[in-house]
Amino acid sequence: MANVLLIDDEPDLLSAMAEILTAEGHQVTALSNGLALFEDDFEIDFDLVVTDIIMPGVEGLEIVAHLQKQKPELNVIAISGGGRIEPSFHLRLAQQMGASETLQKPFRLKTLAETVDRVLRDGETGNGAGNRPLATADGECSGPQIQPNTAETPVSG
């Protein structure tokens, strides 16, 4: 199937996501933070990246921006429970920066697996900005104001 990179600072959620995607036949690399992506010798050799947005150290929005610069054809799914700000704000911003799809925490693991399969199959899903970075040289973001894909419950984090 696909080579998927998961990035989330919540160990239980990271483990659960890795387990379900591995069971679906994907090869999964799981990182508790995105610092490795910024190392010169880190090879971004993945078909898809799933990243949390609110994390200590390197934020998920930085990861989305970095991946757009390094490998703009790479599909990214951004996930967030929000932090101090409504999760939909972070997720819309991630879409505007190039995330293919978003999931708001909490979500069902089945929803994650379905979203991963859909993004891998279809590339840009139509909900996100896809592989079109919408940030201009002066840092302004343009593009559609899209509501994130809000899924059911169980898995939180």
C-alpha atoms as a PDB file:
ATOM      1  CA  MET A   1       0.000   0.000   0.000  1.00  0.00           C
ATOM      2  CA  ALA A   2       1.454   3.389   1.005  1.00  0.00           C
ATOM      3  CA  ASN A   3       4.353   4.730   3.037  1.00  0.00           C
ATOM      4  CA  VAL A   4       2.746   6.984   5.675  1.00  0.00           C
ATOM      5  CA  LEU A   5       4.422   9.339   8.154  1.00  0.00           C
ATOM      6  CA  LEU A   6       2.467  10.068  11.343  1.00  0.00           C
ATOM      7  CA  ILE A   7       3.417  12.985  13.604  1.00  0.00           C
ATOM      8  CA  ASP A   8       1.649  13.539  16.926  1.00  0.00           C
ATOM      9  CA  ASP A   9       2.895  14.358  20.408  1.00  0.00           C
ATOM     10  CA  GLU A  10       0.225  12.231  22.118  1.00  0.00           C
ATOM     11  CA  PRO A  11       1.733   8.730  22.455  1.00  0.00           C
ATOM     12  CA  ASP A  12      -1.554   6.831  22.846  1.00  0.00           C
ATOM     13  CA  LEU A  13      -3.129   8.466  19.804  1.00  0.00           C
ATOM     14  CA  LEU A  14       0.066   8.066  17.766  1.00  0.00           C
ATOM     15  CA  SER A  15       0.159   4.367  18.631  1.00  0.00           C
ATOM     16  CA  ALA A  16      -3.540   3.861  17.826  1.00  0.00           C
ATOM     17  CA  MET A  17      -3.218   5.648  14.477  1.00  0.00           C
ATOM     18  CA  ALA A  18      -0.124   3.615  13.590  1.00  0.00           C
ATOM     19  CA  GLU A  19      -1.878   0.388  14.541  1.00  0.00           C
ATOM     20  CA  ILE A  20      -4.980   1.006  12.401  1.00  0.00           C
ATOM     21  CA  LEU A  21      -3.002   2.154   9.355  1.00  0.00           C
ATOM     22  CA  THR A  22      -0.612  -0.796   9.658  1.00  0.00           C
ATOM     23  CA  ALA A  23      -3.623  -3.132   9.853  1.00  0.00           C
ATOM     24  CA  GLU A  24      -4.889  -1.484   6.641  1.00  0.00           C
ATOM     25  CA  GLY A  25      -1.622  -2.546   4.966  1.00  0.00           C
ATOM     26  CA  HIS A  26       0.315   0.726   5.071  1.00  0.00           C
ATOM     27  CA  GLN A  27       3.956   1.038   6.028  1.00  0.00           C
ATOM     28  CA  VAL A  28       3.948   3.516   8.922  1.00  0.00           C
ATOM     29  CA  THR A  29       6.670   5.679  10.435  1.00  0.00           C
ATOM     30  CA  ALA A  30       5.564   7.367  13.676  1.00  0.00           C
ATOM     31  CA  LEU A  31       7.254  10.455  15.148  1.00  0.00           C
ATOM     32  CA  SER A  32       6.363  12.197  18.400  1.00  0.00           C
ATOM     33  CA  ASN A  33       7.435  15.558  16.963  1.00  0.00           C
ATOM     34  CA  GLY A  34       8.371  17.055  13.625  1.00  0.00           C
ATOM     35  CA  LEU A  35      11.933  18.110  14.434  1.00  0.00           C
ATOM     36  CA  ALA A  36      13.454  15.317  12.316  1.00  0.00           C
ATOM     37  CA  LEU A  37      11.829  16.768   9.177  1.00  0.00           C
ATOM     38  CA  PHE A  38      14.045  19.830   9.478  1.00  0.00           C
ATOM     39  CA  GLU A  39      17.318  17.895   9.674  1.00  0.00           C
ATOM     40  CA  ASP A  40      19.412  18.037   6.504  1.00  0.00           C
ATOM     41  CA  ASP A  41      19.771  14.263   6.260  1.00  0.00           C
ATOM     42  CA  PHE A  42      16.046  13.471   6.735  1.00  0.00           C
ATOM     43  CA  GLU A  43      14.664  12.080   3.489  1.00  0.00           C
ATOM     44  CA  ILE A  44      10.991  12.854   2.907  1.00  0.00           C
ATOM     45  CA  ASP A  45      10.200   9.579   1.176  1.00  0.00           C
ATOM     46  CA  PHE A  46       6.520   9.181   2.035  1.00  0.00           C
ATOM     47  CA  ASP A  47       3.285   8.961   0.084  1.00  0.00           C
ATOM     48  CA  LEU A  48       1.324  10.781   2.779  1.00  0.00           C
ATOM     49  CA  VAL A  49       1.921  12.671   6.016  1.00  0.00           C
ATOM     50  CA  VAL A  50      -0.609  12.906   8.858  1.00  0.00           C
ATOM     51  CA  THR A  51       0.376  15.624  11.309  1.00  0.00           C
ATOM     52  CA  ASP A  52      -1.082  17.106  14.435  1.00  0.00           C
ATOM     53  CA  ILE A  53      -1.182  20.898  14.437  1.00  0.00           C
ATOM     54  CA  ILE A  54      -0.690  21.824  18.096  1.00  0.00           C
ATOM     55  CA  MET A  55       2.569  20.301  19.357  1.00  0.00           C
ATOM     56  CA  PRO A  56       5.515  21.523  21.418  1.00  0.00           C
ATOM     57  CA  GLY A  57       8.656  22.414  19.522  1.00  0.00           C
ATOM     58  CA  VAL A  58       7.660  22.381  15.882  1.00  0.00           C
ATOM     59  CA  GLU A  59       3.989  23.169  15.238  1.00  0.00           C
ATOM     60  CA  GLY A  60       2.058  21.277  12.591  1.00  0.00           C
ATOM     61  CA  LEU A  61       1.568  24.438  10.527  1.00  0.00           C
ATOM     62  CA  GLU A  62       5.350  24.732  10.280  1.00  0.00           C
ATOM     63  CA  ILE A  63       5.441  21.111   9.131  1.00  0.00           C
ATOM     64  CA  VAL A  64       2.783  21.731   6.453  1.00  0.00           C
ATOM     65  CA  ALA A  65       4.691  24.787   5.184  1.00  0.00           C
ATOM     66  CA  HIS A  66       8.018  22.910   5.194  1.00  0.00           C
ATOM     67  CA  LEU A  67       6.554  19.965   3.296  1.00  0.00           C
ATOM     68  CA  GLN A  68       4.995  22.298   0.722  1.00  0.00           C
ATOM     69  CA  LYS A  69       8.413  23.832   0.144  1.00  0.00           C
ATOM     70  CA  GLN A  70      10.384  20.574   0.086  1.00  0.00           C
ATOM     71  CA  LYS A  71       7.915  18.266  -1.667  1.00  0.00           C
ATOM     72  CA  PRO A  72       4.806  20.145  -2.868  1.00  0.00           C
ATOM     73  CA  GLU A  73       3.247  17.062  -4.458  1.00  0.00           C
ATOM     74  CA  LEU A  74       3.094  15.272  -1.083  1.00  0.00           C
ATOM     75  CA  ASN A  75      -0.394  14.935   0.377  1.00  0.00           C
ATOM     76  CA  VAL A  76      -0.822  16.013   3.997  1.00  0.00           C
ATOM     77  CA  ILE A  77      -3.686  15.378   6.398  1.00  0.00           C
ATOM     78  CA  ALA A  78      -3.756  17.859   9.285  1.00  0.00           C
ATOM     79  CA  ILE A  79      -5.404  16.884  12.573  1.00  0.00           C
ATOM     80  CA  SER A  80      -6.163  19.065  15.570  1.00  0.00           C
ATOM     81  CA  GLY A  81      -8.103  19.254  18.784  1.00  0.00           C
ATOM     82  CA  GLY A  82      -7.499  22.975  18.905  1.00  0.00           C
ATOM     83  CA  GLY A  83      -5.508  24.015  21.938  1.00  0.00           C
ATOM     84  CA  ARG A  84      -6.675  27.430  23.190  1.00  0.00           C
ATOM     85  CA  ILE A  85      -8.290  28.333  19.861  1.00  0.00           C
ATOM     86  CA  GLU A  86     -11.187  26.603  18.102  1.00  0.00           C
ATOM     87  CA  PRO A  87      -9.766  23.631  16.108  1.00  0.00           C
ATOM     88  CA  SER A  88     -11.504  24.742  12.913  1.00  0.00           C
ATOM     89  CA  PHE A  89      -9.295  27.846  12.800  1.00  0.00           C
ATOM     90  CA  HIS A  90      -6.078  25.800  12.780  1.00  0.00           C
ATOM     91  CA  LEU A  91      -7.488  23.296  10.319  1.00  0.00           C
ATOM     92  CA  ARG A  92      -8.662  25.960   7.837  1.00  0.00           C
ATOM     93  CA  LEU A  93      -5.239  27.574   8.038  1.00  0.00           C
ATOM     94  CA  ALA A  94      -3.570  24.191   7.394  1.00  0.00           C
ATOM     95  CA  GLN A  95      -5.777  23.746   4.315  1.00  0.00           C
ATOM     96  CA  GLN A  96      -4.870  27.194   3.061  1.00  0.00           C
ATOM     97  CA  MET A  97      -1.196  26.311   3.504  1.00  0.00           C
ATOM     98  CA  GLY A  98      -1.567  23.154   1.410  1.00  0.00           C
ATOM     99  CA  ALA A  99      -3.029  20.330   3.523  1.00  0.00           C
ATOM    100  CA  SER A 100      -5.074  17.969   1.365  1.00  0.00           C
ATOM    101  CA  GLU A 101      -7.558  17.143   4.107  1.00  0.00           C
ATOM    102  CA  THR A 102      -8.227  17.771   7.780  1.00  0.00           C
ATOM    103  CA  LEU A 103      -9.710  15.873  10.710  1.00  0.00           C
ATOM    104  CA  GLN A 104     -10.882  17.470  13.920  1.00  0.00           C
ATOM    105  CA  LYS A 105     -10.135  15.575  17.127  1.00  0.00           C
ATOM    106  CA  PRO A 106     -11.734  13.560  18.499  1.00  0.00           C
ATOM    107  CA  PHE A 107     -12.267  11.303  15.488  1.00  0.00           C
ATOM    108  CA  ARG A 108     -12.896   7.608  14.921  1.00  0.00           C
ATOM    109  CA  LEU A 109      -9.900   5.547  13.821  1.00  0.00           C
ATOM    110  CA  LYS A 110     -12.091   4.188  11.019  1.00  0.00           C
ATOM    111  CA  THR A 111     -12.595   7.786   9.833  1.00  0.00           C
ATOM    112  CA  LEU A 112      -8.813   8.275   9.771  1.00  0.00           C
ATOM    113  CA  ALA A 113      -8.313   5.086   7.750  1.00  0.00           C
ATOM    114  CA  GLU A 114     -11.056   6.104   5.281  1.00  0.00           C
ATOM    115  CA  THR A 115      -9.597   9.605   4.934  1.00  0.00           C
ATOM    116  CA  VAL A 116      -6.090   8.236   4.340  1.00  0.00           C
ATOM    117  CA  ASP A 117      -7.393   5.853   1.680  1.00  0.00           C
ATOM    118  CA  ARG A 118      -9.420   8.605  -0.018  1.00  0.00           C
ATOM    119  CA  VAL A 119      -6.502  11.055  -0.103  1.00  0.00           C
ATOM    120  CA  LEU A 120      -4.132   8.392  -1.413  1.00  0.00           C
ATOM    121  CA  ARG A 121      -6.653   7.366  -4.064  1.00  0.00           C
ATOM    122  CA  ASP A 122      -7.851  10.805  -5.133  1.00  0.00           C
ATOM    123  CA  GLY A 123      -4.978  13.088  -4.141  1.00  0.00           C
ATOM    124  CA  GLU A 124      -6.650  16.395  -3.516  1.00  0.00           C
ATOM    125  CA  THR A 125     -10.037  15.637  -1.969  1.00  0.00           C
ATOM    126  CA  GLY A 126     -11.719  18.904  -2.800  1.00  0.00           C
ATOM    127  CA  ASN A 127     -12.095  19.827   0.863  1.00  0.00           C
ATOM    128  CA  GLY A 128      -8.602  21.181   1.297  1.00  0.00           C
ATOM    129  CA  ALA A 129      -6.249  23.287  -0.692  1.00  0.00           C
ATOM    130  CA  GLY A 130      -4.624  20.121  -1.940  1.00  0.00           C
ATOM    131  CA  ASN A 131      -1.197  20.573  -3.398  1.00  0.00           C
ATOM    132  CA  ARG A 132      -1.695  24.247  -4.192  1.00  0.00           C
ATOM    133  CA  PRO A 133       0.113  26.365  -1.618  1.00  0.00           C
ATOM    134  CA  LEU A 134      -1.951  29.500  -1.121  1.00  0.00           C
ATOM    135  CA  ALA A 135       0.521  31.608   0.829  1.00  0.00           C
ATOM    136  CA  THR A 136       1.944  34.481  -1.167  1.00  0.00           C
ATOM    137  CA  ALA A 137       5.501  35.802  -0.968  1.00  0.00           C
ATOM    138  CA  ASP A 138       4.419  38.496   1.503  1.00  0.00           C
ATOM    139  CA  GLY A 139       2.950  35.855   3.825  1.00  0.00           C
ATOM    140  CA  GLU A 140      -0.695  36.574   2.998  1.00  0.00           C
ATOM    141  CA  CYS A 141      -2.969  33.565   2.674  1.00  0.00           C
ATOM    142  CA  SER A 142      -5.668  33.437   0.053  1.00  0.00           C
ATOM    143  CA  GLY A 143      -8.111  30.820  -1.041  1.00  0.00           C
ATOM    144  CA  PRO A 144     -11.356  29.258  -0.024  1.00  0.00           C
ATOM    145  CA  GLN A 145     -12.719  29.534   3.482  1.00  0.00           C
ATOM    146  CA  ILE A 146     -13.543  25.863   3.918  1.00  0.00           C
ATOM    147  CA  GLN A 147     -15.073  24.187   6.930  1.00  0.00           C
ATOM    148  CA  PRO A 148     -12.981  21.243   8.163  1.00  0.00           C
ATOM    149  CA  ASN A 149     -14.146  17.675   7.917  1.00  0.00           C
ATOM    150  CA  THR A 150     -15.655  17.094  11.357  1.00  0.00           C
ATOM    151  CA  ALA A 151     -15.906  13.418  12.149  1.00  0.00           C
ATOM    152  CA  GLU A 152     -17.591  11.440  14.898  1.00  0.00           C
ATOM    153  CA  THR A 153     -15.997  10.789  18.279  1.00  0.00           C
ATOM    154  CA  PRO A 154     -14.088   8.108  20.126  1.00  0.00           C
ATOM    155  CA  VAL A 155     -10.399   8.805  19.604  1.00  0.00           C
ATOM    156  CA  SER A 156      -9.454  12.044  21.287  1.00  0.00           C
ATOM    157  CA  GLY A 157      -6.230  13.729  22.012  1.00  0.00           C
END
